[in-house]
Amino acid sequence: MSRRSLRTVLAAGGAAVVMALLPATAQAEPFSGGNYGLYGMEGQYPTTSFCTGTFRQIGPTQYAEGMALKYFYSDKCGSFARIENSRPGCVAVLQRSDNGTGRNDGWVSETVDSGINYAYTKIGNNLNGRVSRALLACDGHDLVNTGWY
């Protein structure tokens, strides 16, 4: 599959397609698509010193198959998704909408690293009228998501 058609498929299908394309033994690795990276702070992890200590959990923790999905927001930096108690083959995804309509225009994901049971995404810039949401997908299937914030 060409890189261009892969991006098209990922933008249209979301996280489930990401999981179908990942090797079973992959180390944690970020993926992104759509127009992710267009806005400031995108492409950085929430641990960057500029953002440290500014994130808070928004909305309730969502659960699927004993795994937890959390959405974090900072009015200084944007948002990120985190999954906990995850099994191998799962991915944390942050979807971002350009204009507040809750339409996935850009996304970033992170796989679960071997030997640990959590993952968190890079930052999505949902400031200035943009919105985002968190998603948990495993083995090619979207399991649960948060609302758009």
C-alpha atoms as a PDB file:
ATOM      1  CA  MET A   1       0.000   0.000   0.000  1.00  0.00           C
ATOM      2  CA  SER A   2       1.467   3.370  -0.929  1.00  0.00           C
ATOM      3  CA  ARG A   3       2.134   5.991   1.728  1.00  0.00           C
ATOM      4  CA  ARG A   4      -0.470   8.323   0.197  1.00  0.00           C
ATOM      5  CA  SER A   5      -3.222   5.686   0.120  1.00  0.00           C
ATOM      6  CA  LEU A   6      -2.293   4.596   3.651  1.00  0.00           C
ATOM      7  CA  ARG A   7      -2.848   8.169   4.865  1.00  0.00           C
ATOM      8  CA  THR A   8      -6.195   8.299   3.089  1.00  0.00           C
ATOM      9  CA  VAL A   9      -7.302   5.012   4.669  1.00  0.00           C
ATOM     10  CA  LEU A  10      -6.132   6.072   8.128  1.00  0.00           C
ATOM     11  CA  ALA A  11      -7.854   9.435   7.934  1.00  0.00           C
ATOM     12  CA  ALA A  12     -11.095   7.800   6.863  1.00  0.00           C
ATOM     13  CA  GLY A  13     -11.033   4.720   9.082  1.00  0.00           C
ATOM     14  CA  GLY A  14      -9.417   5.970  12.245  1.00  0.00           C
ATOM     15  CA  ALA A  15      -7.751   3.890  14.899  1.00  0.00           C
ATOM     16  CA  ALA A  16      -9.051   0.487  13.860  1.00  0.00           C
ATOM     17  CA  VAL A  17      -7.113   0.699  10.616  1.00  0.00           C
ATOM     18  CA  VAL A  18      -3.978   1.746  12.494  1.00  0.00           C
ATOM     19  CA  MET A  19      -4.133  -1.420  14.571  1.00  0.00           C
ATOM     20  CA  ALA A  20      -4.654  -3.657  11.560  1.00  0.00           C
ATOM     21  CA  LEU A  21      -1.406  -2.357  10.066  1.00  0.00           C
ATOM     22  CA  LEU A  22       0.804  -2.629  13.151  1.00  0.00           C
ATOM     23  CA  PRO A  23       3.135  -5.582  13.634  1.00  0.00           C
ATOM     24  CA  ALA A  24       2.296  -7.698  16.684  1.00  0.00           C
ATOM     25  CA  THR A  25       5.727  -7.208  18.278  1.00  0.00           C
ATOM     26  CA  ALA A  26       6.063  -3.456  17.751  1.00  0.00           C
ATOM     27  CA  GLN A  27       7.645  -1.226  20.344  1.00  0.00           C
ATOM     28  CA  ALA A  28       5.693   1.883  21.293  1.00  0.00           C
ATOM     29  CA  GLU A  29       5.560   4.133  18.290  1.00  0.00           C
ATOM     30  CA  PRO A  30       3.606   7.249  17.391  1.00  0.00           C
ATOM     31  CA  PHE A  31       1.579   7.440  14.191  1.00  0.00           C
ATOM     32  CA  SER A  32      -0.389  10.389  12.866  1.00  0.00           C
ATOM     33  CA  GLY A  33      -2.557  11.387   9.948  1.00  0.00           C
ATOM     34  CA  GLY A  34      -4.885  13.915   8.423  1.00  0.00           C
ATOM     35  CA  ASN A  35      -3.580  17.394   9.093  1.00  0.00           C
ATOM     36  CA  TYR A  36      -2.029  16.525  12.459  1.00  0.00           C
ATOM     37  CA  GLY A  37       1.017  18.709  13.058  1.00  0.00           C
ATOM     38  CA  LEU A  38      -0.550  21.809  11.537  1.00  0.00           C
ATOM     39  CA  TYR A  39      -0.894  23.652  14.853  1.00  0.00           C
ATOM     40  CA  GLY A  40       1.544  24.640  17.587  1.00  0.00           C
ATOM     41  CA  MET A  41       2.506  22.011  20.211  1.00  0.00           C
ATOM     42  CA  GLU A  42       1.459  19.130  17.946  1.00  0.00           C
ATOM     43  CA  GLY A  43       4.237  16.583  17.604  1.00  0.00           C
ATOM     44  CA  GLN A  44       5.407  17.014  21.206  1.00  0.00           C
ATOM     45  CA  TYR A  45       4.698  14.783  24.175  1.00  0.00           C
ATOM     46  CA  PRO A  46       2.862  16.262  27.179  1.00  0.00           C
ATOM     47  CA  THR A  47       6.050  15.817  29.227  1.00  0.00           C
ATOM     48  CA  THR A  48       7.701  18.749  27.446  1.00  0.00           C
ATOM     49  CA  SER A  49       8.856  21.243  30.078  1.00  0.00           C
ATOM     50  CA  PHE A  50       6.616  23.996  28.648  1.00  0.00           C
ATOM     51  CA  CYS A  51       3.513  21.896  29.456  1.00  0.00           C
ATOM     52  CA  THR A  52       4.545  19.988  32.579  1.00  0.00           C
ATOM     53  CA  GLY A  53       1.979  20.335  35.353  1.00  0.00           C
ATOM     54  CA  THR A  54      -0.646  22.077  33.207  1.00  0.00           C
ATOM     55  CA  PHE A  55      -2.802  19.062  32.221  1.00  0.00           C
ATOM     56  CA  ARG A  56      -5.933  17.905  34.052  1.00  0.00           C
ATOM     57  CA  GLN A  57      -8.283  15.042  33.311  1.00  0.00           C
ATOM     58  CA  ILE A  58     -11.505  16.144  31.616  1.00  0.00           C
ATOM     59  CA  GLY A  59     -14.588  13.929  31.651  1.00  0.00           C
ATOM     60  CA  PRO A  60     -14.911  10.519  33.244  1.00  0.00           C
ATOM     61  CA  THR A  61     -12.529   7.638  32.659  1.00  0.00           C
ATOM     62  CA  GLN A  62     -13.969   5.291  30.029  1.00  0.00           C
ATOM     63  CA  TYR A  63     -13.535   1.523  30.387  1.00  0.00           C
ATOM     64  CA  ALA A  64     -13.493  -1.399  27.964  1.00  0.00           C
ATOM     65  CA  GLU A  65     -12.409  -4.969  28.737  1.00  0.00           C
ATOM     66  CA  GLY A  66     -10.846  -3.802  32.014  1.00  0.00           C
ATOM     67  CA  MET A  67      -8.726  -1.150  30.280  1.00  0.00           C
ATOM     68  CA  ALA A  68      -9.013   2.549  31.053  1.00  0.00           C
ATOM     69  CA  LEU A  69      -9.117   5.485  28.636  1.00  0.00           C
ATOM     70  CA  LYS A  70      -8.464   9.000  29.930  1.00  0.00           C
ATOM     71  CA  TYR A  71      -8.523  12.414  28.254  1.00  0.00           C
ATOM     72  CA  PHE A  72      -6.287  15.217  29.515  1.00  0.00           C
ATOM     73  CA  TYR A  73      -6.467  18.922  28.658  1.00  0.00           C
ATOM     74  CA  SER A  74      -4.334  22.017  29.204  1.00  0.00           C
ATOM     75  CA  ASP A  75      -5.521  25.482  28.235  1.00  0.00           C
ATOM     76  CA  LYS A  76      -1.857  26.268  27.618  1.00  0.00           C
ATOM     77  CA  CYS A  77      -0.879  23.271  25.445  1.00  0.00           C
ATOM     78  CA  GLY A  78      -3.888  21.283  24.170  1.00  0.00           C
ATOM     79  CA  SER A  79      -4.795  17.686  24.941  1.00  0.00           C
ATOM     80  CA  PHE A  80      -3.617  14.077  24.921  1.00  0.00           C
ATOM     81  CA  ALA A  81      -5.066  10.576  25.360  1.00  0.00           C
ATOM     82  CA  ARG A  82      -3.826   7.950  27.814  1.00  0.00           C
ATOM     83  CA  ILE A  83      -4.709   4.269  28.143  1.00  0.00           C
ATOM     84  CA  GLU A  84      -3.963   2.219  31.269  1.00  0.00           C
ATOM     85  CA  ASN A  85      -4.103  -1.468  32.210  1.00  0.00           C
ATOM     86  CA  SER A  86      -3.833  -2.176  28.505  1.00  0.00           C
ATOM     87  CA  ARG A  87      -3.055  -5.477  26.887  1.00  0.00           C
ATOM     88  CA  PRO A  88      -0.679  -5.811  23.918  1.00  0.00           C
ATOM     89  CA  GLY A  89      -2.188  -4.891  20.569  1.00  0.00           C
ATOM     90  CA  CYS A  90      -3.881  -1.717  21.817  1.00  0.00           C
ATOM     91  CA  VAL A  91      -3.405   1.909  20.915  1.00  0.00           C
ATOM     92  CA  ALA A  92      -4.240   5.298  22.448  1.00  0.00           C
ATOM     93  CA  VAL A  93      -5.569   7.766  19.882  1.00  0.00           C
ATOM     94  CA  LEU A  94      -6.266  11.486  20.009  1.00  0.00           C
ATOM     95  CA  GLN A  95      -8.531  12.780  17.251  1.00  0.00           C
ATOM     96  CA  ARG A  96      -8.676  16.532  16.570  1.00  0.00           C
ATOM     97  CA  SER A  97     -11.251  18.597  14.700  1.00  0.00           C
ATOM     98  CA  ASP A  98     -10.266  21.905  13.097  1.00  0.00           C
ATOM     99  CA  ASN A  99     -13.481  23.792  13.671  1.00  0.00           C
ATOM    100  CA  GLY A 100     -15.289  22.443  16.709  1.00  0.00           C
ATOM    101  CA  THR A 101     -17.733  20.226  14.792  1.00  0.00           C
ATOM    102  CA  GLY A 102     -16.378  16.951  16.167  1.00  0.00           C
ATOM    103  CA  ARG A 103     -15.142  15.737  12.796  1.00  0.00           C
ATOM    104  CA  ASN A 104     -11.786  13.932  12.770  1.00  0.00           C
ATOM    105  CA  ASP A 105      -9.464  16.168  10.701  1.00  0.00           C
ATOM    106  CA  GLY A 106      -6.187  15.106  12.293  1.00  0.00           C
ATOM    107  CA  TRP A 107      -5.106  12.362  14.661  1.00  0.00           C
ATOM    108  CA  VAL A 108      -2.133  10.986  16.544  1.00  0.00           C
ATOM    109  CA  SER A 109      -1.767   7.553  18.164  1.00  0.00           C
ATOM    110  CA  GLU A 110       0.662   5.632  20.344  1.00  0.00           C
ATOM    111  CA  THR A 111       1.024   1.879  20.694  1.00  0.00           C
ATOM    112  CA  VAL A 112       1.594   0.085  23.999  1.00  0.00           C
ATOM    113  CA  ASP A 113       5.291  -0.612  24.556  1.00  0.00           C
ATOM    114  CA  SER A 114       6.444  -4.169  25.250  1.00  0.00           C
ATOM    115  CA  GLY A 115       6.636  -4.866  28.984  1.00  0.00           C
ATOM    116  CA  ILE A 116       4.311  -2.050  30.101  1.00  0.00           C
ATOM    117  CA  ASN A 117       0.521  -1.686  30.125  1.00  0.00           C
ATOM    118  CA  TYR A 118      -0.057   1.980  29.291  1.00  0.00           C
ATOM    119  CA  ALA A 119       0.490   4.484  26.497  1.00  0.00           C
ATOM    120  CA  TYR A 120      -0.135   8.164  25.935  1.00  0.00           C
ATOM    121  CA  THR A 121      -0.224  10.219  22.776  1.00  0.00           C
ATOM    122  CA  LYS A 122       1.565  13.324  21.682  1.00  0.00           C
ATOM    123  CA  ILE A 123      -0.303  16.606  22.131  1.00  0.00           C
ATOM    124  CA  GLY A 124      -3.197  17.623  19.915  1.00  0.00           C
ATOM    125  CA  ASN A 125      -3.907  21.338  19.691  1.00  0.00           C
ATOM    126  CA  ASN A 126      -7.600  21.747  20.477  1.00  0.00           C
ATOM    127  CA  LEU A 127      -7.252  25.398  21.443  1.00  0.00           C
ATOM    128  CA  ASN A 128      -8.933  28.382  19.746  1.00  0.00           C
ATOM    129  CA  GLY A 129     -12.237  26.694  18.868  1.00  0.00           C
ATOM    130  CA  ARG A 130     -10.821  23.302  17.890  1.00  0.00           C
ATOM    131  CA  VAL A 131     -11.968  20.163  19.749  1.00  0.00           C
ATOM    132  CA  SER A 132     -10.505  16.703  20.334  1.00  0.00           C
ATOM    133  CA  ARG A 133     -11.380  13.346  21.847  1.00  0.00           C
ATOM    134  CA  ALA A 134      -9.589  10.235  23.072  1.00  0.00           C
ATOM    135  CA  LEU A 135     -10.060   6.737  21.663  1.00  0.00           C
ATOM    136  CA  LEU A 136      -8.955   3.244  22.710  1.00  0.00           C
ATOM    137  CA  ALA A 137      -8.593   0.640  19.973  1.00  0.00           C
ATOM    138  CA  CYS A 138      -7.333  -2.951  20.173  1.00  0.00           C
ATOM    139  CA  ASP A 139      -6.600  -5.503  17.475  1.00  0.00           C
ATOM    140  CA  GLY A 140      -8.184  -3.392  14.751  1.00  0.00           C
ATOM    141  CA  HIS A 141     -11.366  -2.468  16.642  1.00  0.00           C
ATOM    142  CA  ASP A 142     -12.374   0.827  18.254  1.00  0.00           C
ATOM    143  CA  LEU A 143     -13.490  -0.113  21.781  1.00  0.00           C
ATOM    144  CA  VAL A 144     -14.392   3.140  23.507  1.00  0.00           C
ATOM    145  CA  ASN A 145     -14.003   6.901  23.121  1.00  0.00           C
ATOM    146  CA  THR A 146     -14.578  10.030  25.143  1.00  0.00           C
ATOM    147  CA  GLY A 147     -16.736  12.960  24.138  1.00  0.00           C
ATOM    148  CA  TRP A 148     -15.391  15.863  22.104  1.00  0.00           C
ATOM    149  CA  TYR A 149     -13.879  18.617  24.266  1.00  0.00           C
END
